[in-house]
Amino acid sequence: MGEVIEQDWVRLTQAQFAPIAITDHFWIVPSWHDAPPQARQIIRLDPGLAFGTGSHPTTGLCLAWMAGGLPGQAQNPPPLGRVIDYGCGSGILAIGAALFGAKSIDAVDIDAAALQATEANAQANGVVLRVGEPAMACGPYDTVVANILATPLKLLAPLLCSLVAPGGHLVLAGILERQADELKAAYAAHCDLQVAQTREGWALMTARF
């Protein structure tokens, strides 16, 4: 076995994450980077051990929807109202909701490391979240966001739909484009789930109640 060259592995890992544009003026900025000059709104992020650096297409799609930045959306962000981020990971979507005018936000996850990262990132961004395990969820919510994976999203269909207030939004991600029809079928008894946008083989799916 060859000798491992001594390196600063923390800095090496951090170097892989650069600021990410969600829209022209809304950026995700790692805690060790300076914000670009064109950024008017930013999320400062240190993912820790949790999923959610902002680099994955599913995260970008969810944030772009919140910012009103998807094709066909009005330029202004949609009214988010009371929000739950179901499977919050690093808390990036919950923090994004706070930046775009949510009245209150619950962030839930089954992973203790995710809850710890969410609390730390919320504090770093100066936003107030209610953070805890999924049993904490108590609808109705005006916006239900879940960026997980297709299989758990199918299993969670009755629960997630039960949390959405009349007139509210359901926003789902973590879905491959080829899985969209499966998700439509799984949610058909509860809502008319449709593909809102795709990116790099991934789909953002939304429904209005």
N, C-alpha and C. Protein backbone atom coordinates (compact mmCIF):
# COMPACT_ATOMS: atom_id res chain seq x y z
N MET A 1 0.85 -1.18 0.00
CA MET A 1 0.00 0.00 0.00
C MET A 1 0.89 1.24 0.00
N GLY A 2 0.59 2.18 -0.90
CA GLY A 2 1.40 3.38 -0.98
C GLY A 2 1.16 4.31 0.19
N GLU A 3 2.09 5.18 0.41
CA GLU A 3 1.99 6.14 1.50
C GLU A 3 0.94 7.19 1.17
N VAL A 4 0.09 7.49 2.15
CA VAL A 4 -0.94 8.52 1.98
C VAL A 4 -0.32 9.87 2.29
N ILE A 5 -0.40 10.76 1.33
CA ILE A 5 0.17 12.10 1.51
C ILE A 5 -0.67 12.88 2.51
N GLU A 6 -0.02 13.48 3.48
CA GLU A 6 -0.75 14.26 4.48
C GLU A 6 -1.33 15.51 3.83
N GLN A 7 -2.64 15.69 4.02
CA GLN A 7 -3.33 16.84 3.44
C GLN A 7 -4.32 17.38 4.46
N ASP A 8 -4.76 18.59 4.21
CA ASP A 8 -5.84 19.16 5.01
C ASP A 8 -7.14 18.70 4.37
N TRP A 9 -7.67 17.59 4.87
CA TRP A 9 -8.83 16.97 4.22
C TRP A 9 -10.08 17.82 4.36
N VAL A 10 -10.20 18.58 5.43
CA VAL A 10 -11.36 19.45 5.58
C VAL A 10 -11.37 20.50 4.47
N ARG A 11 -10.22 21.15 4.27
CA ARG A 11 -10.15 22.17 3.21
C ARG A 11 -10.32 21.55 1.83
N LEU A 12 -9.80 20.34 1.64
CA LEU A 12 -9.93 19.66 0.36
C LEU A 12 -11.39 19.37 0.05
N THR A 13 -12.12 18.90 1.06
CA THR A 13 -13.54 18.61 0.88
C THR A 13 -14.32 19.90 0.64
N GLN A 14 -14.03 20.93 1.42
CA GLN A 14 -14.73 22.20 1.26
C GLN A 14 -14.53 22.80 -0.12
N ALA A 15 -13.35 22.58 -0.69
CA ALA A 15 -13.05 23.15 -2.00
C ALA A 15 -13.96 22.61 -3.10
N GLN A 16 -14.60 21.45 -2.85
CA GLN A 16 -15.50 20.86 -3.84
C GLN A 16 -16.83 21.60 -3.92
N PHE A 17 -17.15 22.41 -2.90
CA PHE A 17 -18.43 23.09 -2.84
C PHE A 17 -18.23 24.59 -3.03
N ALA A 18 -18.75 25.12 -4.11
CA ALA A 18 -18.66 26.53 -4.41
C ALA A 18 -20.06 27.13 -4.33
N PRO A 19 -20.19 28.47 -4.30
CA PRO A 19 -21.51 29.08 -4.33
C PRO A 19 -22.32 28.61 -5.53
N ILE A 20 -23.63 28.43 -5.32
CA ILE A 20 -24.52 27.88 -6.35
C ILE A 20 -25.65 28.86 -6.60
N ALA A 21 -25.88 29.19 -7.87
CA ALA A 21 -26.97 30.10 -8.23
C ALA A 21 -28.28 29.32 -8.35
N ILE A 22 -29.30 29.74 -7.62
CA ILE A 22 -30.65 29.18 -7.78
C ILE A 22 -31.42 30.02 -8.79
N THR A 23 -31.34 31.34 -8.65
CA THR A 23 -31.77 32.29 -9.67
C THR A 23 -30.62 33.28 -9.84
N ASP A 24 -30.81 34.29 -10.65
CA ASP A 24 -29.73 35.26 -10.88
C ASP A 24 -29.29 35.93 -9.58
N HIS A 25 -30.24 36.11 -8.65
CA HIS A 25 -29.93 36.89 -7.45
C HIS A 25 -30.05 36.08 -6.15
N PHE A 26 -30.40 34.81 -6.25
CA PHE A 26 -30.57 33.96 -5.07
C PHE A 26 -29.53 32.84 -5.13
N TRP A 27 -28.65 32.80 -4.12
CA TRP A 27 -27.51 31.88 -4.14
C TRP A 27 -27.42 31.07 -2.85
N ILE A 28 -26.90 29.85 -2.97
CA ILE A 28 -26.48 29.05 -1.83
C ILE A 28 -24.98 29.26 -1.68
N VAL A 29 -24.57 29.68 -0.50
CA VAL A 29 -23.16 30.01 -0.28
C VAL A 29 -22.63 29.20 0.90
N PRO A 30 -21.70 28.27 0.66
CA PRO A 30 -21.09 27.54 1.79
C PRO A 30 -20.52 28.51 2.81
N SER A 31 -20.53 28.08 4.06
CA SER A 31 -20.14 28.97 5.15
C SER A 31 -18.71 29.46 5.04
N TRP A 32 -17.87 28.75 4.28
CA TRP A 32 -16.46 29.13 4.16
C TRP A 32 -16.18 29.97 2.92
N HIS A 33 -17.23 30.36 2.16
CA HIS A 33 -17.06 31.16 0.95
C HIS A 33 -17.63 32.56 1.14
N ASP A 34 -17.12 33.52 0.37
CA ASP A 34 -17.76 34.83 0.28
C ASP A 34 -18.91 34.77 -0.71
N ALA A 35 -19.93 35.56 -0.48
CA ALA A 35 -21.06 35.62 -1.41
C ALA A 35 -20.66 36.37 -2.67
N PRO A 36 -21.12 35.93 -3.84
CA PRO A 36 -20.83 36.68 -5.07
C PRO A 36 -21.53 38.03 -5.05
N PRO A 37 -20.99 39.02 -5.74
CA PRO A 37 -21.54 40.39 -5.66
C PRO A 37 -22.98 40.50 -6.15
N GLN A 38 -23.42 39.63 -7.06
CA GLN A 38 -24.77 39.74 -7.60
C GLN A 38 -25.82 39.11 -6.69
N ALA A 39 -25.40 38.44 -5.63
CA ALA A 39 -26.35 37.74 -4.75
C ALA A 39 -27.07 38.74 -3.85
N ARG A 40 -28.40 38.82 -4.01
CA ARG A 40 -29.21 39.69 -3.16
C ARG A 40 -29.80 38.91 -1.99
N GLN A 41 -30.06 37.63 -2.22
CA GLN A 41 -30.53 36.75 -1.15
C GLN A 41 -29.62 35.53 -1.13
N ILE A 42 -29.20 35.13 0.06
CA ILE A 42 -28.33 33.97 0.16
C ILE A 42 -28.76 33.07 1.30
N ILE A 43 -28.44 31.80 1.15
CA ILE A 43 -28.50 30.85 2.25
C ILE A 43 -27.07 30.46 2.57
N ARG A 44 -26.66 30.71 3.80
CA ARG A 44 -25.36 30.26 4.28
C ARG A 44 -25.51 28.82 4.74
N LEU A 45 -24.66 27.93 4.23
CA LEU A 45 -24.90 26.51 4.48
C LEU A 45 -23.64 25.78 4.88
N ASP A 46 -23.78 24.98 5.92
CA ASP A 46 -22.77 23.99 6.31
C ASP A 46 -23.52 22.68 6.49
N PRO A 47 -23.50 21.79 5.49
CA PRO A 47 -24.36 20.60 5.55
C PRO A 47 -24.02 19.63 6.66
N GLY A 48 -22.81 19.69 7.20
CA GLY A 48 -22.42 18.70 8.22
C GLY A 48 -22.52 17.30 7.64
N LEU A 49 -23.17 16.39 8.36
CA LEU A 49 -23.33 15.02 7.89
C LEU A 49 -24.66 14.81 7.18
N ALA A 50 -25.44 15.85 7.00
CA ALA A 50 -26.78 15.72 6.44
C ALA A 50 -26.77 15.96 4.93
N PHE A 51 -27.79 15.39 4.26
CA PHE A 51 -27.95 15.61 2.82
C PHE A 51 -28.47 17.02 2.58
N GLY A 52 -27.94 17.66 1.55
CA GLY A 52 -28.48 18.95 1.15
C GLY A 52 -27.46 20.06 1.09
N THR A 53 -26.62 20.05 0.07
CA THR A 53 -25.65 21.13 -0.12
C THR A 53 -26.17 22.19 -1.07
N GLY A 54 -27.27 21.89 -1.74
CA GLY A 54 -27.79 22.79 -2.75
C GLY A 54 -27.31 22.46 -4.14
N SER A 55 -26.36 21.54 -4.26
CA SER A 55 -25.80 21.23 -5.57
C SER A 55 -26.64 20.22 -6.36
N HIS A 56 -27.49 19.47 -5.68
CA HIS A 56 -28.27 18.45 -6.38
C HIS A 56 -29.44 19.10 -7.13
N PRO A 57 -29.74 18.62 -8.35
CA PRO A 57 -30.84 19.23 -9.11
C PRO A 57 -32.17 19.27 -8.37
N THR A 58 -32.46 18.26 -7.54
CA THR A 58 -33.75 18.26 -6.84
C THR A 58 -33.84 19.41 -5.86
N THR A 59 -32.75 19.70 -5.17
CA THR A 59 -32.74 20.82 -4.22
C THR A 59 -32.91 22.14 -4.97
N GLY A 60 -32.17 22.30 -6.06
CA GLY A 60 -32.27 23.51 -6.86
C GLY A 60 -33.67 23.74 -7.41
N LEU A 61 -34.34 22.67 -7.84
CA LEU A 61 -35.70 22.79 -8.36
C LEU A 61 -36.66 23.25 -7.28
N CYS A 62 -36.55 22.67 -6.09
CA CYS A 62 -37.44 23.08 -4.99
C CYS A 62 -37.23 24.54 -4.63
N LEU A 63 -35.98 24.95 -4.53
CA LEU A 63 -35.69 26.34 -4.17
C LEU A 63 -36.12 27.31 -5.27
N ALA A 64 -35.92 26.91 -6.52
CA ALA A 64 -36.35 27.76 -7.63
C ALA A 64 -37.87 27.93 -7.62
N TRP A 65 -38.61 26.86 -7.27
CA TRP A 65 -40.08 26.96 -7.16
C TRP A 65 -40.44 27.97 -6.06
N MET A 66 -39.79 27.87 -4.92
CA MET A 66 -40.06 28.81 -3.82
C MET A 66 -39.78 30.25 -4.23
N ALA A 67 -38.73 30.44 -5.02
CA ALA A 67 -38.33 31.78 -5.45
C ALA A 67 -39.17 32.31 -6.60
N GLY A 68 -40.07 31.48 -7.13
CA GLY A 68 -40.85 31.90 -8.29
C GLY A 68 -40.02 31.94 -9.55
N GLY A 69 -38.96 31.12 -9.60
CA GLY A 69 -38.02 31.21 -10.70
C GLY A 69 -38.11 30.12 -11.75
N LEU A 70 -39.17 29.31 -11.71
CA LEU A 70 -39.32 28.27 -12.74
C LEU A 70 -40.06 28.83 -13.95
N PRO A 71 -39.78 28.30 -15.14
CA PRO A 71 -40.52 28.74 -16.33
C PRO A 71 -42.03 28.59 -16.12
N GLY A 72 -42.78 29.62 -16.49
CA GLY A 72 -44.22 29.57 -16.33
C GLY A 72 -44.71 30.10 -14.99
N GLN A 73 -43.79 30.27 -14.02
CA GLN A 73 -44.20 30.85 -12.74
C GLN A 73 -44.22 32.37 -12.82
N ALA A 74 -45.03 32.96 -11.96
CA ALA A 74 -44.96 34.41 -11.80
C ALA A 74 -43.59 34.77 -11.24
N GLN A 75 -43.18 35.99 -11.48
CA GLN A 75 -41.86 36.41 -11.01
C GLN A 75 -41.78 36.45 -9.49
N ASN A 76 -42.89 36.74 -8.84
CA ASN A 76 -42.87 36.79 -7.38
C ASN A 76 -42.99 35.38 -6.81
N PRO A 77 -42.39 35.14 -5.64
CA PRO A 77 -42.52 33.83 -5.01
C PRO A 77 -43.98 33.51 -4.72
N PRO A 78 -44.38 32.23 -4.77
CA PRO A 78 -45.75 31.86 -4.41
C PRO A 78 -45.96 32.09 -2.92
N PRO A 79 -47.21 32.37 -2.49
CA PRO A 79 -47.46 32.53 -1.06
C PRO A 79 -47.27 31.19 -0.35
N LEU A 80 -46.29 31.12 0.54
CA LEU A 80 -45.93 29.85 1.16
C LEU A 80 -46.73 29.57 2.44
N GLY A 81 -47.08 30.62 3.16
CA GLY A 81 -47.86 30.45 4.37
C GLY A 81 -47.16 29.60 5.41
N ARG A 82 -47.90 28.67 5.98
CA ARG A 82 -47.33 27.74 6.95
C ARG A 82 -46.72 26.56 6.19
N VAL A 83 -45.47 26.22 6.49
CA VAL A 83 -44.70 25.27 5.68
C VAL A 83 -44.19 24.12 6.53
N ILE A 84 -44.16 22.92 5.94
CA ILE A 84 -43.41 21.81 6.52
C ILE A 84 -42.43 21.28 5.48
N ASP A 85 -41.18 21.12 5.91
CA ASP A 85 -40.14 20.48 5.10
C ASP A 85 -40.00 19.06 5.66
N TYR A 86 -40.55 18.11 4.94
CA TYR A 86 -40.63 16.72 5.43
C TYR A 86 -39.43 15.94 4.90
N GLY A 87 -38.48 15.63 5.80
CA GLY A 87 -37.20 15.05 5.41
C GLY A 87 -36.23 16.18 5.13
N CYS A 88 -35.94 16.98 6.17
CA CYS A 88 -35.30 18.28 5.97
C CYS A 88 -33.81 18.22 5.67
N GLY A 89 -33.13 17.10 5.99
CA GLY A 89 -31.70 17.03 5.70
C GLY A 89 -30.93 18.15 6.38
N SER A 90 -30.25 18.97 5.59
CA SER A 90 -29.48 20.09 6.14
C SER A 90 -30.34 21.27 6.53
N GLY A 91 -31.63 21.23 6.19
CA GLY A 91 -32.54 22.34 6.47
C GLY A 91 -32.59 23.38 5.37
N ILE A 92 -31.98 23.09 4.24
CA ILE A 92 -31.85 24.11 3.19
C ILE A 92 -33.21 24.56 2.64
N LEU A 93 -34.16 23.64 2.48
CA LEU A 93 -35.46 24.04 1.94
C LEU A 93 -36.27 24.81 2.98
N ALA A 94 -36.18 24.40 4.23
CA ALA A 94 -36.88 25.12 5.29
C ALA A 94 -36.35 26.55 5.40
N ILE A 95 -35.04 26.71 5.30
CA ILE A 95 -34.44 28.05 5.36
C ILE A 95 -34.85 28.87 4.14
N GLY A 96 -34.86 28.23 2.97
CA GLY A 96 -35.33 28.91 1.77
C GLY A 96 -36.76 29.41 1.93
N ALA A 97 -37.61 28.58 2.53
CA ALA A 97 -39.00 28.99 2.76
C ALA A 97 -39.06 30.22 3.65
N ALA A 98 -38.21 30.26 4.67
CA ALA A 98 -38.19 31.42 5.56
C ALA A 98 -37.78 32.68 4.80
N LEU A 99 -36.79 32.56 3.93
CA LEU A 99 -36.32 33.72 3.16
C LEU A 99 -37.38 34.24 2.21
N PHE A 100 -38.27 33.36 1.77
CA PHE A 100 -39.29 33.77 0.80
C PHE A 100 -40.67 33.92 1.43
N GLY A 101 -40.67 34.26 2.72
CA GLY A 101 -41.89 34.79 3.32
C GLY A 101 -42.81 33.81 4.02
N ALA A 102 -42.36 32.58 4.27
CA ALA A 102 -43.22 31.65 5.01
C ALA A 102 -43.54 32.21 6.39
N LYS A 103 -44.77 31.98 6.84
CA LYS A 103 -45.20 32.51 8.14
C LYS A 103 -44.60 31.71 9.29
N SER A 104 -44.54 30.41 9.12
CA SER A 104 -43.91 29.54 10.11
C SER A 104 -43.47 28.28 9.40
N ILE A 105 -42.43 27.64 9.91
CA ILE A 105 -41.86 26.47 9.24
C ILE A 105 -41.55 25.37 10.23
N ASP A 106 -42.06 24.17 9.94
CA ASP A 106 -41.66 22.97 10.66
C ASP A 106 -40.67 22.21 9.78
N ALA A 107 -39.58 21.72 10.35
CA ALA A 107 -38.58 20.93 9.63
C ALA A 107 -38.43 19.61 10.37
N VAL A 108 -38.74 18.50 9.70
CA VAL A 108 -38.73 17.20 10.36
C VAL A 108 -37.85 16.22 9.61
N ASP A 109 -37.25 15.30 10.36
CA ASP A 109 -36.40 14.26 9.76
C ASP A 109 -36.25 13.13 10.77
N ILE A 110 -35.96 11.93 10.27
CA ILE A 110 -35.73 10.78 11.16
C ILE A 110 -34.28 10.68 11.60
N ASP A 111 -33.40 11.49 10.99
CA ASP A 111 -31.96 11.42 11.24
C ASP A 111 -31.54 12.50 12.23
N ALA A 112 -30.96 12.09 13.35
CA ALA A 112 -30.54 13.06 14.37
C ALA A 112 -29.49 14.03 13.82
N ALA A 113 -28.60 13.55 12.95
CA ALA A 113 -27.58 14.43 12.37
C ALA A 113 -28.23 15.50 11.50
N ALA A 114 -29.30 15.15 10.81
CA ALA A 114 -30.02 16.13 9.99
C ALA A 114 -30.65 17.20 10.87
N LEU A 115 -31.25 16.81 11.97
CA LEU A 115 -31.88 17.78 12.86
C LEU A 115 -30.84 18.73 13.45
N GLN A 116 -29.68 18.18 13.79
CA GLN A 116 -28.60 19.01 14.33
C GLN A 116 -28.11 20.01 13.28
N ALA A 117 -27.91 19.52 12.05
CA ALA A 117 -27.46 20.41 10.97
C ALA A 117 -28.50 21.48 10.66
N THR A 118 -29.78 21.10 10.67
CA THR A 118 -30.85 22.06 10.39
C THR A 118 -30.87 23.17 11.43
N GLU A 119 -30.76 22.80 12.70
CA GLU A 119 -30.76 23.82 13.76
C GLU A 119 -29.57 24.77 13.62
N ALA A 120 -28.40 24.21 13.33
CA ALA A 120 -27.20 25.04 13.19
C ALA A 120 -27.32 25.97 11.98
N ASN A 121 -27.81 25.46 10.87
CA ASN A 121 -27.93 26.28 9.67
C ASN A 121 -29.01 27.34 9.82
N ALA A 122 -30.09 27.01 10.52
CA ALA A 122 -31.13 28.01 10.77
C ALA A 122 -30.57 29.17 11.59
N GLN A 123 -29.79 28.84 12.61
CA GLN A 123 -29.19 29.87 13.44
C GLN A 123 -28.23 30.73 12.62
N ALA A 124 -27.43 30.09 11.76
CA ALA A 124 -26.47 30.82 10.94
C ALA A 124 -27.15 31.78 9.97
N ASN A 125 -28.37 31.45 9.57
CA ASN A 125 -29.10 32.30 8.62
C ASN A 125 -30.11 33.22 9.30
N GLY A 126 -30.16 33.16 10.62
CA GLY A 126 -31.04 34.06 11.35
C GLY A 126 -32.52 33.80 11.14
N VAL A 127 -32.88 32.52 10.92
CA VAL A 127 -34.29 32.18 10.73
C VAL A 127 -34.76 31.28 11.86
N VAL A 128 -36.05 31.32 12.11
CA VAL A 128 -36.65 30.53 13.19
C VAL A 128 -37.40 29.34 12.59
N LEU A 129 -37.01 28.14 12.97
CA LEU A 129 -37.67 26.92 12.54
C LEU A 129 -38.08 26.12 13.76
N ARG A 130 -39.12 25.32 13.62
CA ARG A 130 -39.46 24.32 14.63
C ARG A 130 -38.93 23.00 14.10
N VAL A 131 -37.95 22.42 14.77
CA VAL A 131 -37.21 21.26 14.26
C VAL A 131 -37.49 20.05 15.13
N GLY A 132 -37.76 18.90 14.49
CA GLY A 132 -38.00 17.69 15.27
C GLY A 132 -38.25 16.48 14.40
N GLU A 133 -38.69 15.40 15.01
CA GLU A 133 -38.97 14.16 14.30
C GLU A 133 -40.33 14.25 13.59
N PRO A 134 -40.59 13.35 12.61
CA PRO A 134 -41.82 13.45 11.82
C PRO A 134 -43.11 13.43 12.65
N ALA A 135 -43.10 12.80 13.81
CA ALA A 135 -44.31 12.77 14.65
C ALA A 135 -44.75 14.18 15.06
N MET A 136 -43.84 15.14 14.94
CA MET A 136 -44.15 16.52 15.28
C MET A 136 -45.08 17.17 14.27
N ALA A 137 -45.15 16.63 13.05
CA ALA A 137 -45.95 17.24 11.99
C ALA A 137 -47.41 17.35 12.42
N CYS A 138 -47.97 18.54 12.25
CA CYS A 138 -49.35 18.79 12.64
C CYS A 138 -49.97 19.75 11.63
N GLY A 139 -50.72 19.20 10.67
CA GLY A 139 -51.33 20.02 9.64
C GLY A 139 -52.52 20.79 10.17
N PRO A 140 -53.15 21.60 9.32
CA PRO A 140 -52.81 21.73 7.91
C PRO A 140 -51.68 22.73 7.65
N TYR A 141 -50.96 22.49 6.55
CA TYR A 141 -49.89 23.38 6.09
C TYR A 141 -50.27 23.94 4.72
N ASP A 142 -49.93 25.19 4.50
CA ASP A 142 -50.17 25.80 3.19
C ASP A 142 -49.22 25.25 2.13
N THR A 143 -48.02 24.86 2.55
CA THR A 143 -47.03 24.28 1.64
C THR A 143 -46.38 23.09 2.31
N VAL A 144 -46.46 21.94 1.65
CA VAL A 144 -45.79 20.72 2.11
C VAL A 144 -44.70 20.39 1.09
N VAL A 145 -43.45 20.40 1.52
CA VAL A 145 -42.30 20.12 0.67
C VAL A 145 -41.64 18.83 1.15
N ALA A 146 -41.36 17.92 0.23
CA ALA A 146 -40.65 16.69 0.58
C ALA A 146 -39.69 16.35 -0.55
N ASN A 147 -38.41 16.47 -0.27
CA ASN A 147 -37.36 16.12 -1.23
C ASN A 147 -36.67 14.87 -0.68
N ILE A 148 -37.22 13.72 -1.03
CA ILE A 148 -36.71 12.46 -0.45
C ILE A 148 -36.31 11.55 -1.62
N LEU A 149 -37.04 10.47 -1.82
CA LEU A 149 -36.86 9.57 -2.96
C LEU A 149 -38.23 9.03 -3.35
N ALA A 150 -38.34 8.49 -4.55
CA ALA A 150 -39.64 8.08 -5.06
C ALA A 150 -40.33 7.03 -4.19
N THR A 151 -39.60 6.01 -3.75
CA THR A 151 -40.24 4.93 -3.00
C THR A 151 -40.86 5.42 -1.69
N PRO A 152 -40.11 6.13 -0.82
CA PRO A 152 -40.78 6.64 0.37
C PRO A 152 -41.87 7.67 0.06
N LEU A 153 -41.72 8.44 -1.00
CA LEU A 153 -42.77 9.39 -1.35
C LEU A 153 -44.06 8.67 -1.72
N LYS A 154 -43.96 7.53 -2.39
CA LYS A 154 -45.17 6.77 -2.71
C LYS A 154 -45.83 6.25 -1.44
N LEU A 155 -45.03 5.74 -0.52
CA LEU A 155 -45.57 5.21 0.73
C LEU A 155 -46.19 6.32 1.58
N LEU A 156 -45.63 7.52 1.48
CA LEU A 156 -46.08 8.64 2.30
C LEU A 156 -47.25 9.41 1.69
N ALA A 157 -47.74 8.98 0.53
CA ALA A 157 -48.78 9.74 -0.17
C ALA A 157 -49.97 10.10 0.72
N PRO A 158 -50.60 9.14 1.42
CA PRO A 158 -51.76 9.51 2.24
C PRO A 158 -51.41 10.51 3.33
N LEU A 159 -50.26 10.32 3.98
CA LEU A 159 -49.86 11.21 5.06
C LEU A 159 -49.58 12.61 4.54
N LEU A 160 -48.72 12.73 3.52
CA LEU A 160 -48.35 14.05 3.03
C LEU A 160 -49.57 14.82 2.52
N CYS A 161 -50.45 14.14 1.83
CA CYS A 161 -51.65 14.81 1.31
C CYS A 161 -52.58 15.25 2.44
N SER A 162 -52.61 14.47 3.51
CA SER A 162 -53.46 14.84 4.65
C SER A 162 -52.97 16.09 5.36
N LEU A 163 -51.71 16.44 5.15
CA LEU A 163 -51.13 17.61 5.81
C LEU A 163 -51.39 18.91 5.06
N VAL A 164 -51.83 18.82 3.78
CA VAL A 164 -51.97 20.02 2.95
C VAL A 164 -53.32 20.68 3.20
N ALA A 165 -53.29 21.97 3.44
CA ALA A 165 -54.52 22.75 3.65
C ALA A 165 -55.27 22.93 2.33
N PRO A 166 -56.59 23.12 2.38
CA PRO A 166 -57.32 23.46 1.16
C PRO A 166 -56.71 24.70 0.50
N GLY A 167 -56.46 24.60 -0.79
CA GLY A 167 -55.81 25.68 -1.52
C GLY A 167 -54.30 25.67 -1.41
N GLY A 168 -53.75 24.71 -0.66
CA GLY A 168 -52.31 24.65 -0.44
C GLY A 168 -51.56 23.93 -1.54
N HIS A 169 -50.23 23.94 -1.40
CA HIS A 169 -49.34 23.34 -2.39
C HIS A 169 -48.64 22.10 -1.82
N LEU A 170 -48.52 21.07 -2.66
CA LEU A 170 -47.66 19.92 -2.39
C LEU A 170 -46.51 19.97 -3.38
N VAL A 171 -45.28 19.91 -2.87
CA VAL A 171 -44.09 20.03 -3.71
C VAL A 171 -43.18 18.85 -3.41
N LEU A 172 -42.98 17.98 -4.40
CA LEU A 172 -42.23 16.75 -4.20
C LEU A 172 -41.03 16.69 -5.13
N ALA A 173 -39.91 16.19 -4.60
CA ALA A 173 -38.70 16.02 -5.40
C ALA A 173 -37.94 14.80 -4.90
N GLY A 174 -36.83 14.50 -5.60
CA GLY A 174 -36.12 13.25 -5.36
C GLY A 174 -36.63 12.18 -6.28
N ILE A 175 -37.27 12.61 -7.37
CA ILE A 175 -37.98 11.72 -8.30
C ILE A 175 -37.27 11.75 -9.65
N LEU A 176 -36.89 10.59 -10.15
CA LEU A 176 -36.36 10.51 -11.51
C LEU A 176 -37.49 10.74 -12.51
N GLU A 177 -37.15 11.31 -13.66
CA GLU A 177 -38.17 11.57 -14.67
C GLU A 177 -38.96 10.31 -15.03
N ARG A 178 -38.27 9.18 -15.10
CA ARG A 178 -38.94 7.93 -15.48
C ARG A 178 -39.86 7.40 -14.38
N GLN A 179 -39.78 7.98 -13.18
CA GLN A 179 -40.64 7.56 -12.08
C GLN A 179 -41.88 8.44 -11.94
N ALA A 180 -42.02 9.45 -12.78
CA ALA A 180 -43.10 10.42 -12.62
C ALA A 180 -44.47 9.77 -12.72
N ASP A 181 -44.65 8.86 -13.66
CA ASP A 181 -45.97 8.22 -13.80
C ASP A 181 -46.32 7.37 -12.58
N GLU A 182 -45.31 6.74 -11.97
CA GLU A 182 -45.55 5.97 -10.74
C GLU A 182 -46.05 6.88 -9.63
N LEU A 183 -45.45 8.06 -9.52
CA LEU A 183 -45.86 9.02 -8.49
C LEU A 183 -47.26 9.54 -8.76
N LYS A 184 -47.56 9.84 -10.02
CA LYS A 184 -48.91 10.29 -10.36
C LYS A 184 -49.94 9.26 -9.92
N ALA A 185 -49.66 7.98 -10.19
CA ALA A 185 -50.59 6.92 -9.83
C ALA A 185 -50.73 6.79 -8.32
N ALA A 186 -49.62 6.92 -7.60
CA ALA A 186 -49.65 6.77 -6.15
C ALA A 186 -50.45 7.89 -5.48
N TYR A 187 -50.47 9.07 -6.11
CA TYR A 187 -51.15 10.23 -5.51
C TYR A 187 -52.53 10.49 -6.13
N ALA A 188 -52.93 9.68 -7.13
CA ALA A 188 -54.15 9.96 -7.89
C ALA A 188 -55.39 10.00 -7.02
N ALA A 189 -55.43 9.19 -5.96
CA ALA A 189 -56.61 9.17 -5.09
C ALA A 189 -56.71 10.42 -4.22
N HIS A 190 -55.62 11.20 -4.17
CA HIS A 190 -55.57 12.34 -3.26
C HIS A 190 -55.48 13.69 -3.97
N CYS A 191 -54.81 13.71 -5.14
CA CYS A 191 -54.58 14.99 -5.82
C CYS A 191 -54.14 14.72 -7.25
N ASP A 192 -54.09 15.79 -8.03
CA ASP A 192 -53.62 15.72 -9.41
C ASP A 192 -52.17 16.17 -9.46
N LEU A 193 -51.27 15.22 -9.21
CA LEU A 193 -49.84 15.51 -9.16
C LEU A 193 -49.27 15.58 -10.58
N GLN A 194 -48.54 16.65 -10.87
CA GLN A 194 -48.00 16.85 -12.21
C GLN A 194 -46.54 17.26 -12.15
N VAL A 195 -45.82 17.02 -13.23
CA VAL A 195 -44.43 17.46 -13.35
C VAL A 195 -44.40 18.96 -13.60
N ALA A 196 -43.74 19.68 -12.72
CA ALA A 196 -43.63 21.14 -12.87
C ALA A 196 -42.40 21.53 -13.67
N GLN A 197 -41.31 20.76 -13.51
CA GLN A 197 -40.06 21.08 -14.19
C GLN A 197 -39.13 19.87 -14.08
N THR A 198 -38.24 19.71 -15.04
CA THR A 198 -37.24 18.65 -14.98
C THR A 198 -35.85 19.26 -15.12
N ARG A 199 -34.86 18.53 -14.59
CA ARG A 199 -33.48 19.00 -14.68
C ARG A 199 -32.55 17.80 -14.51
N GLU A 200 -31.72 17.57 -15.50
CA GLU A 200 -30.69 16.52 -15.44
C GLU A 200 -31.26 15.16 -15.05
N GLY A 201 -32.44 14.85 -15.61
CA GLY A 201 -33.04 13.54 -15.37
C GLY A 201 -33.92 13.46 -14.13
N TRP A 202 -34.05 14.55 -13.39
CA TRP A 202 -34.86 14.59 -12.18
C TRP A 202 -36.10 15.44 -12.41
N ALA A 203 -37.17 15.13 -11.69
CA ALA A 203 -38.43 15.85 -11.86
C ALA A 203 -38.87 16.49 -10.55
N LEU A 204 -39.39 17.71 -10.66
CA LEU A 204 -40.12 18.35 -9.57
C LEU A 204 -41.60 18.18 -9.87
N MET A 205 -42.35 17.65 -8.90
CA MET A 205 -43.78 17.40 -9.09
C MET A 205 -44.56 18.20 -8.06
N THR A 206 -45.66 18.80 -8.52
CA THR A 206 -46.46 19.66 -7.64
C THR A 206 -47.94 19.37 -7.82
N ALA A 207 -48.71 19.74 -6.80
CA ALA A 207 -50.16 19.65 -6.87
C ALA A 207 -50.73 20.79 -6.04
N ARG A 208 -51.90 21.27 -6.46
CA ARG A 208 -52.63 22.31 -5.72
C ARG A 208 -53.91 21.69 -5.18
N PHE A 209 -54.18 21.91 -3.93
CA PHE A 209 -55.34 21.29 -3.29
C PHE A 209 -56.53 22.25 -3.22
